[in-house]
């Protein structure tokens, strides 16, 4: 899979892990038009790349992403990774909020800086968030007299509850690393979130891809399902997984007391 045609992103593939970052540190990695579209295109490629089993987003400088770059007016040249929204496009650049959730693989954000506005929306769309001591979340939309976008109103209340979500949106106050972990915005606070996230990704990349894929799908499905519908969905998935060679490999590895070699088939 090709990744060298992106201009706003840096992508490295190693040991079945895709590490990517926005490369605009001088702007706190704020996203202009082209950045949004490149992230959406990156999500599509990572989802279909058989060489990638886990995805980690990292950053350079003081910002994971400060949100939309309100100073950028030039959208850049139109290309496959920087399209123009069609007249029937219902999301525009806000579709970036679906880029990571639609990847059928574990996604982890390593954050040790500012996550604001659309940058916070993007961070919350990852499966797991590992934060460092300098992490700082703020919704910021109210400060700009704007409405939330990029999926913030989907992910935020699911992580922290409706009341806390509305408080954070109404006030646009800063949420530092320790509070972020306490209220559920982040999973873990560590000194080096990038190293921690990559180590976690290595463990996941060695795991059974089908199990991880269906775990992610099933958790996302539960928000729209009754208990019975969810159990039926789990049962259907289990029947598919049971037919995989990975299940047989897992049993053999256990009996032979060795590390399993999962292939996703």
C-alpha atoms as a PDB file:
ATOM      1  CA  UNK A   1       0.000   0.000   0.000  1.00  0.00           C
ATOM      2  CA  UNK A   2       1.300   3.426  -0.928  1.00  0.00           C
ATOM      3  CA  UNK A   3       1.599   6.183   1.703  1.00  0.00           C
ATOM      4  CA  UNK A   4       4.246   8.494   0.235  1.00  0.00           C
ATOM      5  CA  UNK A   5       1.736  10.699  -1.589  1.00  0.00           C
ATOM      6  CA  UNK A   6       0.451  12.415   1.559  1.00  0.00           C
ATOM      7  CA  UNK A   7       1.684  15.958   2.120  1.00  0.00           C
ATOM      8  CA  UNK A   8       0.203  16.801   5.532  1.00  0.00           C
ATOM      9  CA  UNK A   9       0.802  13.417   7.185  1.00  0.00           C
ATOM     10  CA  UNK A  10       3.788  11.223   7.939  1.00  0.00           C
ATOM     11  CA  UNK A  11       3.112   7.482   7.936  1.00  0.00           C
ATOM     12  CA  UNK A  12       5.507   4.722   8.971  1.00  0.00           C
ATOM     13  CA  UNK A  13       4.701   1.019   8.682  1.00  0.00           C
ATOM     14  CA  UNK A  14       6.789  -1.341  10.809  1.00  0.00           C
ATOM     15  CA  UNK A  15       6.113  -4.727  12.399  1.00  0.00           C
ATOM     16  CA  UNK A  16       2.427  -4.635  11.335  1.00  0.00           C
ATOM     17  CA  UNK A  17       1.946  -1.239  13.040  1.00  0.00           C
ATOM     18  CA  UNK A  18       1.070   1.978  11.233  1.00  0.00           C
ATOM     19  CA  UNK A  19       2.289   5.069  13.066  1.00  0.00           C
ATOM     20  CA  UNK A  20       1.045   8.361  11.685  1.00  0.00           C
ATOM     21  CA  UNK A  21       1.109  12.013  12.605  1.00  0.00           C
ATOM     22  CA  UNK A  22       0.113  15.392  11.267  1.00  0.00           C
ATOM     23  CA  UNK A  23       3.281  17.249  10.268  1.00  0.00           C
ATOM     24  CA  UNK A  24       2.329  20.849  11.039  1.00  0.00           C
ATOM     25  CA  UNK A  25       3.990  21.281  14.456  1.00  0.00           C
ATOM     26  CA  UNK A  26       4.487  25.018  13.899  1.00  0.00           C
ATOM     27  CA  UNK A  27       0.664  25.277  13.902  1.00  0.00           C
ATOM     28  CA  UNK A  28       0.194  22.885  16.850  1.00  0.00           C
ATOM     29  CA  UNK A  29      -0.795  20.399  14.133  1.00  0.00           C
ATOM     30  CA  UNK A  30      -3.952  22.342  13.353  1.00  0.00           C
ATOM     31  CA  UNK A  31      -5.745  20.879  10.365  1.00  0.00           C
ATOM     32  CA  UNK A  32      -6.444  22.735   7.164  1.00  0.00           C
ATOM     33  CA  UNK A  33      -8.788  21.516   4.430  1.00  0.00           C
ATOM     34  CA  UNK A  34      -6.190  19.209   2.912  1.00  0.00           C
ATOM     35  CA  UNK A  35      -5.277  17.700   6.296  1.00  0.00           C
ATOM     36  CA  UNK A  36      -8.841  16.608   6.986  1.00  0.00           C
ATOM     37  CA  UNK A  37      -9.200  14.907   3.624  1.00  0.00           C
ATOM     38  CA  UNK A  38      -5.830  13.205   3.878  1.00  0.00           C
ATOM     39  CA  UNK A  39      -6.759  11.704   7.262  1.00  0.00           C
ATOM     40  CA  UNK A  40      -9.986  10.347   5.763  1.00  0.00           C
ATOM     41  CA  UNK A  41      -8.089   8.838   2.842  1.00  0.00           C
ATOM     42  CA  UNK A  42      -5.484   7.420   5.230  1.00  0.00           C
ATOM     43  CA  UNK A  43      -8.225   5.689   7.203  1.00  0.00           C
ATOM     44  CA  UNK A  44      -9.506   3.993   4.051  1.00  0.00           C
ATOM     45  CA  UNK A  45      -6.046   2.746   3.095  1.00  0.00           C
ATOM     46  CA  UNK A  46      -5.143   1.510   6.574  1.00  0.00           C
ATOM     47  CA  UNK A  47      -8.386  -0.430   6.774  1.00  0.00           C
ATOM     48  CA  UNK A  48      -7.607  -2.395   3.624  1.00  0.00           C
ATOM     49  CA  UNK A  49      -3.843  -2.769   4.083  1.00  0.00           C
ATOM     50  CA  UNK A  50      -3.105  -6.437   4.953  1.00  0.00           C
ATOM     51  CA  UNK A  51       0.309  -5.413   6.320  1.00  0.00           C
ATOM     52  CA  UNK A  52      -1.270  -3.284   9.064  1.00  0.00           C
ATOM     53  CA  UNK A  53      -2.849  -4.786  12.179  1.00  0.00           C
ATOM     54  CA  UNK A  54      -2.773  -1.817  14.569  1.00  0.00           C
ATOM     55  CA  UNK A  55      -2.739   1.954  14.151  1.00  0.00           C
ATOM     56  CA  UNK A  56      -1.060   4.537  16.389  1.00  0.00           C
ATOM     57  CA  UNK A  57      -1.320   8.310  15.995  1.00  0.00           C
ATOM     58  CA  UNK A  58       1.464  10.347  17.568  1.00  0.00           C
ATOM     59  CA  UNK A  59       2.604  13.951  17.258  1.00  0.00           C
ATOM     60  CA  UNK A  60       5.599  16.240  17.300  1.00  0.00           C
ATOM     61  CA  UNK A  61       5.624  19.464  19.250  1.00  0.00           C
ATOM     62  CA  UNK A  62       3.128  20.848  21.757  1.00  0.00           C
ATOM     63  CA  UNK A  63      -0.079  19.805  20.027  1.00  0.00           C
ATOM     64  CA  UNK A  64      -1.726  16.550  19.050  1.00  0.00           C
ATOM     65  CA  UNK A  65      -3.976  18.852  17.055  1.00  0.00           C
ATOM     66  CA  UNK A  66      -5.270  22.336  17.839  1.00  0.00           C
ATOM     67  CA  UNK A  67      -8.290  21.679  15.619  1.00  0.00           C
ATOM     68  CA  UNK A  68      -9.153  23.430  12.389  1.00  0.00           C
ATOM     69  CA  UNK A  69      -6.609  25.957  11.183  1.00  0.00           C
ATOM     70  CA  UNK A  70      -8.798  29.043  10.944  1.00  0.00           C
ATOM     71  CA  UNK A  71      -5.949  31.005   9.347  1.00  0.00           C
ATOM     72  CA  UNK A  72      -5.656  28.675   6.342  1.00  0.00           C
ATOM     73  CA  UNK A  73      -7.680  29.752   3.324  1.00  0.00           C
ATOM     74  CA  UNK A  74      -5.997  27.862   0.477  1.00  0.00           C
ATOM     75  CA  UNK A  75      -7.473  24.319   0.337  1.00  0.00           C
ATOM     76  CA  UNK A  76      -4.588  23.103  -1.808  1.00  0.00           C
ATOM     77  CA  UNK A  77      -4.693  21.431  -5.204  1.00  0.00           C
ATOM     78  CA  UNK A  78      -7.499  18.949  -5.734  1.00  0.00           C
ATOM     79  CA  UNK A  79      -6.334  15.330  -5.809  1.00  0.00           C
ATOM     80  CA  UNK A  80      -7.443  11.843  -4.770  1.00  0.00           C
ATOM     81  CA  UNK A  81      -6.267  12.592  -1.231  1.00  0.00           C
ATOM     82  CA  UNK A  82      -7.604  16.168  -1.287  1.00  0.00           C
ATOM     83  CA  UNK A  83     -10.995  16.103  -3.025  1.00  0.00           C
ATOM     84  CA  UNK A  84     -13.698  18.753  -3.142  1.00  0.00           C
ATOM     85  CA  UNK A  85     -16.987  17.887  -1.451  1.00  0.00           C
ATOM     86  CA  UNK A  86     -19.734  17.021  -3.911  1.00  0.00           C
ATOM     87  CA  UNK A  87     -23.080  18.805  -3.845  1.00  0.00           C
ATOM     88  CA  UNK A  88     -24.627  15.853  -2.007  1.00  0.00           C
ATOM     89  CA  UNK A  89     -21.818  15.570   0.563  1.00  0.00           C
ATOM     90  CA  UNK A  90     -23.527  15.564   3.957  1.00  0.00           C
ATOM     91  CA  UNK A  91     -20.414  15.820   6.141  1.00  0.00           C
ATOM     92  CA  UNK A  92     -17.606  17.656   4.368  1.00  0.00           C
ATOM     93  CA  UNK A  93     -14.385  17.708   6.378  1.00  0.00           C
ATOM     94  CA  UNK A  94     -16.328  16.643   9.484  1.00  0.00           C
ATOM     95  CA  UNK A  95     -16.149  13.138   8.077  1.00  0.00           C
ATOM     96  CA  UNK A  96     -12.710  12.988   9.704  1.00  0.00           C
ATOM     97  CA  UNK A  97     -14.575  11.841  12.814  1.00  0.00           C
ATOM     98  CA  UNK A  98     -15.300   8.534  11.057  1.00  0.00           C
ATOM     99  CA  UNK A  99     -11.800   7.902   9.696  1.00  0.00           C
ATOM    100  CA  UNK A 100     -10.489   5.940  12.692  1.00  0.00           C
ATOM    101  CA  UNK A 101     -13.735   4.241  13.869  1.00  0.00           C
ATOM    102  CA  UNK A 102     -14.209   2.702  10.411  1.00  0.00           C
ATOM    103  CA  UNK A 103     -10.828   0.973  10.576  1.00  0.00           C
ATOM    104  CA  UNK A 104     -11.475  -2.669  11.526  1.00  0.00           C
ATOM    105  CA  UNK A 105      -8.291  -2.723  13.603  1.00  0.00           C
ATOM    106  CA  UNK A 106      -7.240  -1.305  16.977  1.00  0.00           C
ATOM    107  CA  UNK A 107      -6.468   2.415  16.886  1.00  0.00           C
ATOM    108  CA  UNK A 108      -4.520   4.213  19.614  1.00  0.00           C
ATOM    109  CA  UNK A 109      -3.811   7.924  20.054  1.00  0.00           C
ATOM    110  CA  UNK A 110      -0.674   8.927  21.977  1.00  0.00           C
ATOM    111  CA  UNK A 111      -1.258  12.453  23.278  1.00  0.00           C
ATOM    112  CA  UNK A 112       1.110  14.730  25.156  1.00  0.00           C
ATOM    113  CA  UNK A 113      -0.116  18.149  24.106  1.00  0.00           C
ATOM    114  CA  UNK A 114      -3.129  20.189  23.079  1.00  0.00           C
ATOM    115  CA  UNK A 115      -6.284  18.515  21.715  1.00  0.00           C
ATOM    116  CA  UNK A 116      -8.730  21.292  20.845  1.00  0.00           C
ATOM    117  CA  UNK A 117     -11.903  21.548  18.793  1.00  0.00           C
ATOM    118  CA  UNK A 118     -11.779  19.194  15.820  1.00  0.00           C
ATOM    119  CA  UNK A 119      -8.462  17.915  17.195  1.00  0.00           C
ATOM    120  CA  UNK A 120     -10.278  16.777  20.331  1.00  0.00           C
ATOM    121  CA  UNK A 121     -13.005  15.239  18.180  1.00  0.00           C
ATOM    122  CA  UNK A 122     -10.351  13.318  16.250  1.00  0.00           C
ATOM    123  CA  UNK A 123      -8.617  12.152  19.443  1.00  0.00           C
ATOM    124  CA  UNK A 124     -11.876  10.856  20.923  1.00  0.00           C
ATOM    125  CA  UNK A 125     -12.577   8.834  17.777  1.00  0.00           C
ATOM    126  CA  UNK A 126      -9.687   6.466  18.530  1.00  0.00           C
ATOM    127  CA  UNK A 127     -10.335   3.227  20.384  1.00  0.00           C
ATOM    128  CA  UNK A 128      -7.790   4.060  23.091  1.00  0.00           C
ATOM    129  CA  UNK A 129      -6.114   7.279  24.247  1.00  0.00           C
ATOM    130  CA  UNK A 130      -2.774   7.207  26.082  1.00  0.00           C
ATOM    131  CA  UNK A 131      -1.868  10.595  27.522  1.00  0.00           C
ATOM    132  CA  UNK A 132       1.274  12.195  28.870  1.00  0.00           C
ATOM    133  CA  UNK A 133       1.590  14.884  31.555  1.00  0.00           C
ATOM    134  CA  UNK A 134       1.222  17.718  29.029  1.00  0.00           C
ATOM    135  CA  UNK A 135      -2.043  16.495  27.512  1.00  0.00           C
ATOM    136  CA  UNK A 136      -4.802  19.096  27.505  1.00  0.00           C
ATOM    137  CA  UNK A 137      -8.312  18.660  26.081  1.00  0.00           C
ATOM    138  CA  UNK A 138     -10.695  21.501  25.330  1.00  0.00           C
ATOM    139  CA  UNK A 139     -13.783  21.567  23.166  1.00  0.00           C
ATOM    140  CA  UNK A 140     -13.204  25.262  22.284  1.00  0.00           C
ATOM    141  CA  UNK A 141     -16.253  25.593  19.973  1.00  0.00           C
ATOM    142  CA  UNK A 142     -18.172  27.848  22.363  1.00  0.00           C
ATOM    143  CA  UNK A 143     -15.174  30.184  22.592  1.00  0.00           C
ATOM    144  CA  UNK A 144     -15.360  30.593  18.805  1.00  0.00           C
ATOM    145  CA  UNK A 145     -19.166  30.966  18.716  1.00  0.00           C
ATOM    146  CA  UNK A 146     -19.306  27.744  16.689  1.00  0.00           C
ATOM    147  CA  UNK A 147     -21.140  24.452  17.061  1.00  0.00           C
ATOM    148  CA  UNK A 148     -19.309  21.170  17.740  1.00  0.00           C
ATOM    149  CA  UNK A 149     -18.424  19.002  14.771  1.00  0.00           C
ATOM    150  CA  UNK A 150     -16.335  16.065  13.547  1.00  0.00           C
ATOM    151  CA  UNK A 151     -18.268  13.669  15.797  1.00  0.00           C
ATOM    152  CA  UNK A 152     -17.607  15.382  19.133  1.00  0.00           C
ATOM    153  CA  UNK A 153     -21.251  15.114  20.226  1.00  0.00           C
ATOM    154  CA  UNK A 154     -21.187  11.389  19.394  1.00  0.00           C
ATOM    155  CA  UNK A 155     -17.993  10.369  21.167  1.00  0.00           C
ATOM    156  CA  UNK A 156     -17.850  12.756  24.129  1.00  0.00           C
ATOM    157  CA  UNK A 157     -21.121  11.801  25.892  1.00  0.00           C
ATOM    158  CA  UNK A 158     -20.399   8.125  25.319  1.00  0.00           C
ATOM    159  CA  UNK A 159     -17.084   8.505  27.115  1.00  0.00           C
ATOM    160  CA  UNK A 160     -17.989  10.831  30.001  1.00  0.00           C
ATOM    161  CA  UNK A 161     -21.806  10.902  30.148  1.00  0.00           C
ATOM    162  CA  UNK A 162     -24.283  13.513  28.982  1.00  0.00           C
ATOM    163  CA  UNK A 163     -23.967  15.928  31.897  1.00  0.00           C
ATOM    164  CA  UNK A 164     -20.165  16.079  31.853  1.00  0.00           C
ATOM    165  CA  UNK A 165     -20.146  16.313  28.058  1.00  0.00           C
ATOM    166  CA  UNK A 166     -22.445  19.330  28.110  1.00  0.00           C
ATOM    167  CA  UNK A 167     -20.385  20.962  30.849  1.00  0.00           C
ATOM    168  CA  UNK A 168     -17.200  20.603  28.825  1.00  0.00           C
ATOM    169  CA  UNK A 169     -18.869  21.914  25.681  1.00  0.00           C
ATOM    170  CA  UNK A 170     -20.643  24.819  27.390  1.00  0.00           C
ATOM    171  CA  UNK A 171     -17.544  26.013  29.257  1.00  0.00           C
ATOM    172  CA  UNK A 172     -14.794  25.015  26.780  1.00  0.00           C
ATOM    173  CA  UNK A 173     -12.552  24.682  29.827  1.00  0.00           C
ATOM    174  CA  UNK A 174      -9.222  22.901  29.854  1.00  0.00           C
ATOM    175  CA  UNK A 175      -9.142  19.253  30.921  1.00  0.00           C
ATOM    176  CA  UNK A 176      -5.640  18.251  31.947  1.00  0.00           C
ATOM    177  CA  UNK A 177      -4.188  14.762  31.836  1.00  0.00           C
ATOM    178  CA  UNK A 178      -5.097  13.537  35.319  1.00  0.00           C
ATOM    179  CA  UNK A 179      -8.697  14.683  35.049  1.00  0.00           C
ATOM    180  CA  UNK A 180      -8.955  13.257  31.527  1.00  0.00           C
ATOM    181  CA  UNK A 181      -8.131   9.792  32.870  1.00  0.00           C
ATOM    182  CA  UNK A 182     -10.414  10.222  35.883  1.00  0.00           C
ATOM    183  CA  UNK A 183     -13.502  11.152  33.841  1.00  0.00           C
ATOM    184  CA  UNK A 184     -12.895   8.682  31.017  1.00  0.00           C
ATOM    185  CA  UNK A 185     -11.556  10.920  28.251  1.00  0.00           C
ATOM    186  CA  UNK A 186      -8.284   8.986  28.355  1.00  0.00           C
ATOM    187  CA  UNK A 187      -7.300   5.458  29.329  1.00  0.00           C
ATOM    188  CA  UNK A 188      -3.882   5.822  30.904  1.00  0.00           C
ATOM    189  CA  UNK A 189      -1.462   8.568  32.003  1.00  0.00           C
ATOM    190  CA  UNK A 190       2.226   7.767  31.466  1.00  0.00           C
ATOM    191  CA  UNK A 191       5.458   9.711  31.102  1.00  0.00           C
ATOM    192  CA  UNK A 192       6.036   8.590  27.497  1.00  0.00           C
ATOM    193  CA  UNK A 193       2.693   8.013  25.757  1.00  0.00           C
ATOM    194  CA  UNK A 194       4.243   7.261  22.360  1.00  0.00           C
ATOM    195  CA  UNK A 195       6.433   4.454  23.693  1.00  0.00           C
ATOM    196  CA  UNK A 196       3.547   3.060  25.737  1.00  0.00           C
ATOM    197  CA  UNK A 197       1.140   3.187  22.780  1.00  0.00           C
ATOM    198  CA  UNK A 198       3.596   1.494  20.426  1.00  0.00           C
ATOM    199  CA  UNK A 199       4.265  -1.277  22.928  1.00  0.00           C
ATOM    200  CA  UNK A 200       0.534  -1.847  23.302  1.00  0.00           C
ATOM    201  CA  UNK A 201       0.162  -1.829  19.526  1.00  0.00           C
ATOM    202  CA  UNK A 202       2.885  -4.480  19.197  1.00  0.00           C
ATOM    203  CA  UNK A 203       0.979  -6.760  21.549  1.00  0.00           C
ATOM    204  CA  UNK A 204      -2.256  -6.200  19.647  1.00  0.00           C
ATOM    205  CA  UNK A 205      -0.588  -6.657  16.259  1.00  0.00           C
ATOM    206  CA  UNK A 206       0.499 -10.143  17.367  1.00  0.00           C
ATOM    207  CA  UNK A 207      -3.035 -10.993  18.456  1.00  0.00           C
ATOM    208  CA  UNK A 208      -5.833 -12.663  16.457  1.00  0.00           C
ATOM    209  CA  UNK A 209      -7.020 -10.055  13.914  1.00  0.00           C
ATOM    210  CA  UNK A 210     -10.531 -11.489  13.542  1.00  0.00           C
ATOM    211  CA  UNK A 211     -11.143 -11.434  17.293  1.00  0.00           C
ATOM    212  CA  UNK A 212      -9.992  -7.821  17.524  1.00  0.00           C
ATOM    213  CA  UNK A 213     -12.036  -6.813  14.495  1.00  0.00           C
ATOM    214  CA  UNK A 214     -15.246  -8.311  15.835  1.00  0.00           C
ATOM    215  CA  UNK A 215     -14.677  -6.943  19.335  1.00  0.00           C
ATOM    216  CA  UNK A 216     -14.498  -3.446  17.865  1.00  0.00           C
ATOM    217  CA  UNK A 217     -17.535  -3.990  15.634  1.00  0.00           C
ATOM    218  CA  UNK A 218     -19.583  -5.443  18.472  1.00  0.00           C
ATOM    219  CA  UNK A 219     -18.808  -2.622  20.902  1.00  0.00           C
ATOM    220  CA  UNK A 220     -19.772  -0.034  18.271  1.00  0.00           C
ATOM    221  CA  UNK A 221     -22.943  -1.985  17.451  1.00  0.00           C
ATOM    222  CA  UNK A 222     -24.131  -2.012  21.054  1.00  0.00           C
ATOM    223  CA  UNK A 223     -25.084   1.690  21.038  1.00  0.00           C
ATOM    224  CA  UNK A 224     -27.922   1.052  18.617  1.00  0.00           C
ATOM    225  CA  UNK A 225     -29.030  -2.405  19.780  1.00  0.00           C
ATOM    226  CA  UNK A 226     -31.296  -3.948  22.372  1.00  0.00           C
ATOM    227  CA  UNK A 227     -29.837  -6.607  24.667  1.00  0.00           C
ATOM    228  CA  UNK A 228     -31.327  -9.380  22.539  1.00  0.00           C
ATOM    229  CA  UNK A 229     -30.098  -7.802  19.303  1.00  0.00           C
ATOM    230  CA  UNK A 230     -26.623  -7.439  20.767  1.00  0.00           C
ATOM    231  CA  UNK A 231     -26.441 -11.052  21.920  1.00  0.00           C
ATOM    232  CA  UNK A 232     -27.655 -12.192  18.498  1.00  0.00           C
ATOM    233  CA  UNK A 233     -24.953 -10.037  16.888  1.00  0.00           C
ATOM    234  CA  UNK A 234     -22.317 -11.561  19.162  1.00  0.00           C
ATOM    235  CA  UNK A 235     -23.569 -15.071  18.394  1.00  0.00           C
ATOM    236  CA  UNK A 236     -23.452 -14.466  14.659  1.00  0.00           C
ATOM    237  CA  UNK A 237     -19.914 -13.130  14.900  1.00  0.00           C
ATOM    238  CA  UNK A 238     -18.820 -16.048  17.066  1.00  0.00           C
ATOM    239  CA  UNK A 239     -20.052 -18.528  14.468  1.00  0.00           C
ATOM    240  CA  UNK A 240     -17.892 -16.831  11.848  1.00  0.00           C
ATOM    241  CA  UNK A 241     -14.818 -16.611  14.065  1.00  0.00           C
ATOM    242  CA  UNK A 242     -15.068 -20.287  15.062  1.00  0.00           C
ATOM    243  CA  UNK A 243     -14.483 -21.300  11.449  1.00  0.00           C
ATOM    244  CA  UNK A 244     -11.143 -19.482  11.247  1.00  0.00           C
ATOM    245  CA  UNK A 245      -7.760 -21.171  11.199  1.00  0.00           C
ATOM    246  CA  UNK A 246      -6.688 -18.791  13.971  1.00  0.00           C
ATOM    247  CA  UNK A 247      -8.959 -20.598  16.433  1.00  0.00           C
ATOM    248  CA  UNK A 248      -7.271 -23.888  15.601  1.00  0.00           C
ATOM    249  CA  UNK A 249      -3.852 -22.232  15.812  1.00  0.00           C
ATOM    250  CA  UNK A 250      -4.681 -20.795  19.229  1.00  0.00           C
ATOM    251  CA  UNK A 251      -5.616 -24.243  20.538  1.00  0.00           C
ATOM    252  CA  UNK A 252      -2.474 -25.852  19.104  1.00  0.00           C
ATOM    253  CA  UNK A 253      -0.256 -23.132  20.561  1.00  0.00           C
ATOM    254  CA  UNK A 254      -1.825 -23.606  23.997  1.00  0.00           C
ATOM    255  CA  UNK A 255      -1.316 -27.376  23.891  1.00  0.00           C
ATOM    256  CA  UNK A 256       2.235 -27.044  22.557  1.00  0.00           C
ATOM    257  CA  UNK A 257       3.053 -24.248  25.041  1.00  0.00           C
ATOM    258  CA  UNK A 258       4.280 -21.818  22.386  1.00  0.00           C
ATOM    259  CA  UNK A 259       3.370 -18.387  21.070  1.00  0.00           C
ATOM    260  CA  UNK A 260       0.533 -18.493  18.564  1.00  0.00           C
ATOM    261  CA  UNK A 261       1.069 -17.280  15.010  1.00  0.00           C
ATOM    262  CA  UNK A 262      -2.232 -15.682  14.017  1.00  0.00           C
ATOM    263  CA  UNK A 263      -2.891 -14.872  10.369  1.00  0.00           C
ATOM    264  CA  UNK A 264      -6.392 -13.407  10.363  1.00  0.00           C
ATOM    265  CA  UNK A 265      -7.781 -16.297   8.359  1.00  0.00           C
END
